[in-house]
């Protein structure tokens, strides 16, 4: 039984330093956290952005995105985040981009999406939500580099079919 006395060392058969219980040898793996989000756009090409009401980067604009919850698919996570942050019901069109952010321990998966139902409003994590045409996007006020990357990927793919990503068998 672990007493919680952990030491940093390379476990036998491994190549990376890990937290290992000094008493029982339990290895506490720390793995990247998946982030899911979407570029939600209207048929006329305006995109949905959320002004963050929480840290980090409070007051800056972002796409609806956040950490996955246990037991949900990446698509369900992206849809949940759009609802939580922007009270928007979305329709996922496909995988838009996957970004590795090693210094934060994140893998970010962004989807291209549209509105499944009309309407949106600020959720508890957003100060405001708004639709922006490409030339209206507040580029200097974006919260994270990956927001810019995903927006640029969306523009590059606009109107083109997205390749189908392999998924779990039904």
C-alpha atoms as a PDB file:
ATOM      1  CA  UNK A   1       0.000   0.000   0.000  1.00  0.00           C
ATOM      2  CA  UNK A   2       1.293   3.422  -0.958  1.00  0.00           C
ATOM      3  CA  UNK A   3       2.116   5.800   1.869  1.00  0.00           C
ATOM      4  CA  UNK A   4       2.420   8.718  -0.510  1.00  0.00           C
ATOM      5  CA  UNK A   5       6.201   8.972  -0.088  1.00  0.00           C
ATOM      6  CA  UNK A   6       7.163   9.425  -3.730  1.00  0.00           C
ATOM      7  CA  UNK A   7      10.606   9.761  -5.180  1.00  0.00           C
ATOM      8  CA  UNK A   8      11.598  10.742  -8.682  1.00  0.00           C
ATOM      9  CA  UNK A   9      13.449   7.965 -10.501  1.00  0.00           C
ATOM     10  CA  UNK A  10      13.445   5.855 -13.638  1.00  0.00           C
ATOM     11  CA  UNK A  11      11.428   2.686 -12.946  1.00  0.00           C
ATOM     12  CA  UNK A  12      12.833  -0.630 -14.124  1.00  0.00           C
ATOM     13  CA  UNK A  13      11.993  -1.180 -17.793  1.00  0.00           C
ATOM     14  CA  UNK A  14      11.219   2.506 -18.388  1.00  0.00           C
ATOM     15  CA  UNK A  15      13.178   5.338 -19.988  1.00  0.00           C
ATOM     16  CA  UNK A  16      11.616   8.360 -18.262  1.00  0.00           C
ATOM     17  CA  UNK A  17      11.804   9.732 -14.760  1.00  0.00           C
ATOM     18  CA  UNK A  18       8.541   9.115 -12.900  1.00  0.00           C
ATOM     19  CA  UNK A  19       7.101   9.578  -9.438  1.00  0.00           C
ATOM     20  CA  UNK A  20       7.507   6.181  -7.753  1.00  0.00           C
ATOM     21  CA  UNK A  21       6.211   5.255  -4.304  1.00  0.00           C
ATOM     22  CA  UNK A  22       9.238   4.570  -2.100  1.00  0.00           C
ATOM     23  CA  UNK A  23       7.286   1.915  -0.161  1.00  0.00           C
ATOM     24  CA  UNK A  24       5.336  -0.141  -2.701  1.00  0.00           C
ATOM     25  CA  UNK A  25       6.816   0.816  -6.088  1.00  0.00           C
ATOM     26  CA  UNK A  26       3.562   2.247  -7.486  1.00  0.00           C
ATOM     27  CA  UNK A  27       4.348   4.429 -10.513  1.00  0.00           C
ATOM     28  CA  UNK A  28       2.293   7.644 -10.728  1.00  0.00           C
ATOM     29  CA  UNK A  29       2.232   8.297 -14.460  1.00  0.00           C
ATOM     30  CA  UNK A  30       1.697  11.897 -15.505  1.00  0.00           C
ATOM     31  CA  UNK A  31       0.488  11.947 -19.085  1.00  0.00           C
ATOM     32  CA  UNK A  32      -0.651  14.729 -21.406  1.00  0.00           C
ATOM     33  CA  UNK A  33      -4.167  16.048 -20.955  1.00  0.00           C
ATOM     34  CA  UNK A  34      -6.375  16.123 -24.060  1.00  0.00           C
ATOM     35  CA  UNK A  35      -8.036  19.438 -24.881  1.00  0.00           C
ATOM     36  CA  UNK A  36     -10.950  19.500 -27.330  1.00  0.00           C
ATOM     37  CA  UNK A  37     -12.526  22.449 -29.047  1.00  0.00           C
ATOM     38  CA  UNK A  38     -14.099  23.712 -32.220  1.00  0.00           C
ATOM     39  CA  UNK A  39     -14.131  26.484 -34.744  1.00  0.00           C
ATOM     40  CA  UNK A  40     -17.877  27.079 -34.978  1.00  0.00           C
ATOM     41  CA  UNK A  41     -18.829  29.046 -38.072  1.00  0.00           C
ATOM     42  CA  UNK A  42     -21.984  30.383 -39.655  1.00  0.00           C
ATOM     43  CA  UNK A  43     -22.756  29.720 -43.336  1.00  0.00           C
ATOM     44  CA  UNK A  44     -21.627  33.280 -44.143  1.00  0.00           C
ATOM     45  CA  UNK A  45     -18.200  32.645 -42.589  1.00  0.00           C
ATOM     46  CA  UNK A  46     -18.402  34.300 -39.173  1.00  0.00           C
ATOM     47  CA  UNK A  47     -16.730  32.430 -36.318  1.00  0.00           C
ATOM     48  CA  UNK A  48     -17.782  32.121 -32.689  1.00  0.00           C
ATOM     49  CA  UNK A  49     -15.326  33.403 -30.090  1.00  0.00           C
ATOM     50  CA  UNK A  50     -15.611  33.493 -26.310  1.00  0.00           C
ATOM     51  CA  UNK A  51     -14.077  36.150 -24.065  1.00  0.00           C
ATOM     52  CA  UNK A  52     -12.583  34.291 -21.111  1.00  0.00           C
ATOM     53  CA  UNK A  53     -14.016  35.003 -17.640  1.00  0.00           C
ATOM     54  CA  UNK A  54     -11.477  32.716 -15.957  1.00  0.00           C
ATOM     55  CA  UNK A  55      -7.722  32.460 -15.672  1.00  0.00           C
ATOM     56  CA  UNK A  56      -5.485  31.894 -17.443  1.00  0.00           C
ATOM     57  CA  UNK A  57      -5.793  34.746 -19.938  1.00  0.00           C
ATOM     58  CA  UNK A  58      -8.974  36.223 -18.472  1.00  0.00           C
ATOM     59  CA  UNK A  59     -10.412  38.899 -20.763  1.00  0.00           C
ATOM     60  CA  UNK A  60      -8.875  37.433 -23.910  1.00  0.00           C
ATOM     61  CA  UNK A  61     -10.774  35.791 -26.769  1.00  0.00           C
ATOM     62  CA  UNK A  62     -10.684  32.064 -27.405  1.00  0.00           C
ATOM     63  CA  UNK A  63     -12.492  29.295 -29.212  1.00  0.00           C
ATOM     64  CA  UNK A  64     -14.884  27.129 -27.195  1.00  0.00           C
ATOM     65  CA  UNK A  65     -12.496  24.482 -25.885  1.00  0.00           C
ATOM     66  CA  UNK A  66     -11.355  22.744 -22.735  1.00  0.00           C
ATOM     67  CA  UNK A  67     -10.255  19.528 -21.109  1.00  0.00           C
ATOM     68  CA  UNK A  68     -12.025  16.283 -21.894  1.00  0.00           C
ATOM     69  CA  UNK A  69     -14.000  14.591 -19.160  1.00  0.00           C
ATOM     70  CA  UNK A  70     -13.704  10.899 -18.349  1.00  0.00           C
ATOM     71  CA  UNK A  71     -16.089   8.744 -20.369  1.00  0.00           C
ATOM     72  CA  UNK A  72     -16.667  11.128 -23.272  1.00  0.00           C
ATOM     73  CA  UNK A  73     -15.545  11.043 -26.885  1.00  0.00           C
ATOM     74  CA  UNK A  74     -13.521  13.893 -28.367  1.00  0.00           C
ATOM     75  CA  UNK A  75     -16.589  14.976 -30.360  1.00  0.00           C
ATOM     76  CA  UNK A  76     -18.821  14.917 -27.287  1.00  0.00           C
ATOM     77  CA  UNK A  77     -16.198  16.893 -25.362  1.00  0.00           C
ATOM     78  CA  UNK A  78     -16.022  19.579 -28.045  1.00  0.00           C
ATOM     79  CA  UNK A  79     -19.829  19.816 -28.129  1.00  0.00           C
ATOM     80  CA  UNK A  80     -19.977  20.032 -24.319  1.00  0.00           C
ATOM     81  CA  UNK A  81     -17.375  22.801 -24.252  1.00  0.00           C
ATOM     82  CA  UNK A  82     -19.318  24.791 -26.889  1.00  0.00           C
ATOM     83  CA  UNK A  83     -22.402  24.500 -24.672  1.00  0.00           C
ATOM     84  CA  UNK A  84     -20.605  25.323 -21.401  1.00  0.00           C
ATOM     85  CA  UNK A  85     -18.720  28.333 -22.748  1.00  0.00           C
ATOM     86  CA  UNK A  86     -21.109  29.685 -25.387  1.00  0.00           C
ATOM     87  CA  UNK A  87     -24.495  28.016 -24.767  1.00  0.00           C
ATOM     88  CA  UNK A  88     -24.221  26.833 -28.391  1.00  0.00           C
ATOM     89  CA  UNK A  89     -25.505  23.535 -29.760  1.00  0.00           C
ATOM     90  CA  UNK A  90     -23.092  22.569 -32.502  1.00  0.00           C
ATOM     91  CA  UNK A  91     -22.809  20.084 -35.336  1.00  0.00           C
ATOM     92  CA  UNK A  92     -19.320  18.623 -35.754  1.00  0.00           C
ATOM     93  CA  UNK A  93     -18.143  18.493 -39.372  1.00  0.00           C
ATOM     94  CA  UNK A  94     -14.790  16.776 -38.818  1.00  0.00           C
ATOM     95  CA  UNK A  95     -11.320  17.005 -37.341  1.00  0.00           C
ATOM     96  CA  UNK A  96      -9.727  20.307 -38.302  1.00  0.00           C
ATOM     97  CA  UNK A  97      -6.363  20.196 -36.511  1.00  0.00           C
ATOM     98  CA  UNK A  98      -4.341  18.408 -33.844  1.00  0.00           C
ATOM     99  CA  UNK A  99      -1.702  20.361 -31.940  1.00  0.00           C
ATOM    100  CA  UNK A 100       0.960  19.054 -29.552  1.00  0.00           C
ATOM    101  CA  UNK A 101       1.807  21.495 -26.777  1.00  0.00           C
ATOM    102  CA  UNK A 102       4.581  19.615 -24.924  1.00  0.00           C
ATOM    103  CA  UNK A 103       5.516  22.398 -22.481  1.00  0.00           C
ATOM    104  CA  UNK A 104       1.934  22.317 -21.134  1.00  0.00           C
ATOM    105  CA  UNK A 105       1.489  18.559 -21.397  1.00  0.00           C
ATOM    106  CA  UNK A 106      -1.450  18.993 -23.776  1.00  0.00           C
ATOM    107  CA  UNK A 107      -2.709  17.480 -26.993  1.00  0.00           C
ATOM    108  CA  UNK A 108      -5.334  19.763 -28.534  1.00  0.00           C
ATOM    109  CA  UNK A 109      -7.921  18.465 -31.010  1.00  0.00           C
ATOM    110  CA  UNK A 110      -9.967  21.074 -32.852  1.00  0.00           C
ATOM    111  CA  UNK A 111     -13.038  20.342 -34.951  1.00  0.00           C
ATOM    112  CA  UNK A 112     -14.699  22.321 -37.698  1.00  0.00           C
ATOM    113  CA  UNK A 113     -18.332  22.824 -36.707  1.00  0.00           C
ATOM    114  CA  UNK A 114     -21.513  24.712 -37.446  1.00  0.00           C
ATOM    115  CA  UNK A 115     -24.526  25.610 -35.367  1.00  0.00           C
ATOM    116  CA  UNK A 116     -27.007  22.741 -34.897  1.00  0.00           C
ATOM    117  CA  UNK A 117     -29.521  25.218 -33.456  1.00  0.00           C
ATOM    118  CA  UNK A 118     -29.670  29.008 -33.612  1.00  0.00           C
ATOM    119  CA  UNK A 119     -28.523  31.034 -30.676  1.00  0.00           C
ATOM    120  CA  UNK A 120     -25.627  31.394 -28.282  1.00  0.00           C
ATOM    121  CA  UNK A 121     -24.906  33.251 -25.037  1.00  0.00           C
ATOM    122  CA  UNK A 122     -22.086  33.588 -22.559  1.00  0.00           C
ATOM    123  CA  UNK A 123     -21.738  30.583 -20.282  1.00  0.00           C
ATOM    124  CA  UNK A 124     -20.223  30.754 -16.774  1.00  0.00           C
ATOM    125  CA  UNK A 125     -16.629  30.642 -18.103  1.00  0.00           C
ATOM    126  CA  UNK A 126     -17.173  33.481 -20.612  1.00  0.00           C
ATOM    127  CA  UNK A 127     -17.550  37.240 -20.128  1.00  0.00           C
ATOM    128  CA  UNK A 128     -18.983  37.545 -23.628  1.00  0.00           C
ATOM    129  CA  UNK A 129     -19.451  35.580 -26.836  1.00  0.00           C
ATOM    130  CA  UNK A 130     -19.661  36.971 -30.333  1.00  0.00           C
ATOM    131  CA  UNK A 131     -19.521  36.135 -34.015  1.00  0.00           C
ATOM    132  CA  UNK A 132     -16.648  37.668 -35.962  1.00  0.00           C
ATOM    133  CA  UNK A 133     -16.031  38.008 -39.677  1.00  0.00           C
ATOM    134  CA  UNK A 134     -12.428  37.177 -40.624  1.00  0.00           C
ATOM    135  CA  UNK A 135     -11.375  40.836 -40.806  1.00  0.00           C
ATOM    136  CA  UNK A 136     -13.045  41.580 -37.434  1.00  0.00           C
ATOM    137  CA  UNK A 137     -11.273  38.901 -35.375  1.00  0.00           C
ATOM    138  CA  UNK A 138      -9.401  40.574 -32.469  1.00  0.00           C
ATOM    139  CA  UNK A 139      -6.072  38.967 -33.394  1.00  0.00           C
ATOM    140  CA  UNK A 140      -4.070  40.865 -30.771  1.00  0.00           C
ATOM    141  CA  UNK A 141      -6.504  39.790 -28.048  1.00  0.00           C
ATOM    142  CA  UNK A 142      -6.485  36.018 -28.677  1.00  0.00           C
ATOM    143  CA  UNK A 143      -5.813  33.999 -25.542  1.00  0.00           C
ATOM    144  CA  UNK A 144      -3.504  31.311 -26.898  1.00  0.00           C
ATOM    145  CA  UNK A 145      -1.367  30.629 -29.992  1.00  0.00           C
ATOM    146  CA  UNK A 146      -3.415  27.518 -30.798  1.00  0.00           C
ATOM    147  CA  UNK A 147      -6.533  29.703 -31.194  1.00  0.00           C
ATOM    148  CA  UNK A 148      -4.797  31.560 -34.027  1.00  0.00           C
ATOM    149  CA  UNK A 149      -3.520  28.292 -35.519  1.00  0.00           C
ATOM    150  CA  UNK A 150      -6.998  26.730 -35.493  1.00  0.00           C
ATOM    151  CA  UNK A 151      -8.577  29.829 -37.019  1.00  0.00           C
ATOM    152  CA  UNK A 152      -5.956  29.832 -39.769  1.00  0.00           C
ATOM    153  CA  UNK A 153      -6.532  26.101 -40.373  1.00  0.00           C
ATOM    154  CA  UNK A 154     -10.281  26.764 -40.574  1.00  0.00           C
ATOM    155  CA  UNK A 155      -9.801  29.500 -43.151  1.00  0.00           C
ATOM    156  CA  UNK A 156      -7.446  27.310 -45.202  1.00  0.00           C
ATOM    157  CA  UNK A 157     -10.006  24.485 -45.180  1.00  0.00           C
ATOM    158  CA  UNK A 158     -13.178  26.590 -45.600  1.00  0.00           C
ATOM    159  CA  UNK A 159     -15.505  25.081 -48.157  1.00  0.00           C
ATOM    160  CA  UNK A 160     -13.284  22.043 -48.690  1.00  0.00           C
ATOM    161  CA  UNK A 161     -14.246  18.620 -47.409  1.00  0.00           C
ATOM    162  CA  UNK A 162     -12.208  17.451 -44.454  1.00  0.00           C
ATOM    163  CA  UNK A 163     -10.524  14.061 -44.709  1.00  0.00           C
ATOM    164  CA  UNK A 164     -12.289  11.441 -42.620  1.00  0.00           C
ATOM    165  CA  UNK A 165     -10.304  10.472 -39.544  1.00  0.00           C
ATOM    166  CA  UNK A 166     -10.327   6.805 -38.586  1.00  0.00           C
ATOM    167  CA  UNK A 167     -12.478   6.182 -35.528  1.00  0.00           C
ATOM    168  CA  UNK A 168     -13.362   3.356 -33.171  1.00  0.00           C
ATOM    169  CA  UNK A 169     -15.253   0.548 -34.914  1.00  0.00           C
ATOM    170  CA  UNK A 170     -18.984   0.598 -34.272  1.00  0.00           C
END
